[in-house]
């Protein structure tokens, strides 16, 4: 099993006290495989619907943010590969 990968970047290199900070985390797990379910409806006459597909990730990665000042980071969004967090300097 390969190890998950992660990169992170802040929107600035310095902040004034009270200034908002945005942290973007890009992450991946090469062992994670999405599951796709395909649904087709067929009536008694043999007429079928167009296929509908739904995809889910089983056992997704969890992102935890902590810094050495104890600042609270709030998640803004998480797509499953990119998470964005905000805090105040």
Protein backbone atom coordinates (compact mmCIF):
# COMPACT_ATOMS: atom_id res chain seq x y z
CA UNK A 1 0.00 0.00 0.00
CA UNK A 2 1.30 3.40 -0.97
CA UNK A 3 1.28 6.28 1.50
CA UNK A 4 -1.12 9.21 1.04
CA UNK A 5 0.40 12.41 -0.35
CA UNK A 6 -0.26 15.99 0.71
CA UNK A 7 0.85 19.51 -0.21
CA UNK A 8 -0.26 22.73 1.43
CA UNK A 9 0.01 26.44 0.72
CA UNK A 10 -1.03 29.65 2.44
CA UNK A 11 -2.32 32.64 0.49
CA UNK A 12 0.50 34.87 1.84
CA UNK A 13 3.89 34.49 3.48
CA UNK A 14 3.28 37.08 6.25
CA UNK A 15 0.16 38.28 8.05
CA UNK A 16 -0.71 41.15 10.36
CA UNK A 17 -2.55 40.26 13.59
CA UNK A 18 -6.28 39.84 12.89
CA UNK A 19 -5.75 39.34 9.16
CA UNK A 20 -7.58 36.39 7.54
CA UNK A 21 -5.45 33.46 6.40
CA UNK A 22 -6.45 30.90 3.77
CA UNK A 23 -4.80 27.47 3.71
CA UNK A 24 -5.22 25.17 0.69
CA UNK A 25 -4.44 21.47 1.14
CA UNK A 26 -4.13 19.16 -1.87
CA UNK A 27 -4.16 15.49 -0.97
CA UNK A 28 -4.45 12.07 -2.54
CA UNK A 29 -4.35 8.40 -1.65
CA UNK A 30 -3.13 6.20 -4.51
CA UNK A 31 -4.87 3.22 -2.90
CA UNK A 32 -8.31 4.88 -2.84
CA UNK A 33 -10.55 3.59 -5.59
CA UNK A 34 -13.94 5.10 -6.33
CA UNK A 35 -16.92 2.78 -6.67
CA UNK A 36 -19.32 3.47 -9.55
CA UNK A 37 -22.89 2.16 -9.44
CA UNK A 38 -24.76 2.07 -12.77
CA UNK A 39 -28.56 1.91 -12.81
CA UNK A 40 -30.74 1.05 -15.83
CA UNK A 41 -34.51 0.65 -15.57
CA UNK A 42 -36.31 -1.77 -17.90
CA UNK A 43 -40.08 -2.03 -18.24
CA UNK A 44 -42.00 -5.27 -19.00
CA UNK A 45 -41.93 -4.45 -22.74
CA UNK A 46 -38.12 -4.38 -22.76
CA UNK A 47 -37.74 -0.59 -23.00
CA UNK A 48 -34.72 0.61 -21.04
CA UNK A 49 -33.76 3.96 -19.61
CA UNK A 50 -30.46 5.63 -20.26
CA UNK A 51 -27.88 4.53 -17.68
CA UNK A 52 -27.43 6.67 -14.58
CA UNK A 53 -24.09 6.52 -12.77
CA UNK A 54 -23.30 7.45 -9.19
CA UNK A 55 -19.75 7.45 -7.85
CA UNK A 56 -18.63 7.27 -4.24
CA UNK A 57 -15.26 6.99 -2.52
CA UNK A 58 -15.04 4.29 0.11
CA UNK A 59 -12.87 5.09 3.12
CA UNK A 60 -11.96 8.69 2.15
CA UNK A 61 -8.98 10.45 3.70
CA UNK A 62 -9.54 12.75 6.66
CA UNK A 63 -7.72 16.09 6.79
CA UNK A 64 -6.81 17.49 10.21
CA UNK A 65 -5.28 20.94 10.63
CA UNK A 66 -3.34 22.13 13.68
CA UNK A 67 -0.70 24.81 14.11
CA UNK A 68 1.76 25.48 16.91
CA UNK A 69 -0.22 28.48 18.22
CA UNK A 70 -3.46 26.56 18.85
CA UNK A 71 -5.32 28.65 16.26
CA UNK A 72 -8.72 27.34 15.14
CA UNK A 73 -8.90 26.49 11.43
CA UNK A 74 -12.36 26.35 9.88
CA UNK A 75 -13.00 24.23 6.80
CA UNK A 76 -14.44 26.25 3.91
CA UNK A 77 -14.65 23.41 1.39
CA UNK A 78 -13.39 19.90 0.70
CA UNK A 79 -13.72 18.22 -2.70
CA UNK A 80 -12.07 14.96 -1.64
CA UNK A 81 -8.76 16.05 -3.19
CA UNK A 82 -8.53 19.73 -2.20
CA UNK A 83 -9.53 21.22 1.14
CA UNK A 84 -9.60 24.94 1.96
CA UNK A 85 -9.41 26.23 5.54
CA UNK A 86 -9.49 29.71 7.07
CA UNK A 87 -8.17 31.16 10.31
CA UNK A 88 -7.31 34.58 11.72
CA UNK A 89 -3.69 35.58 12.29
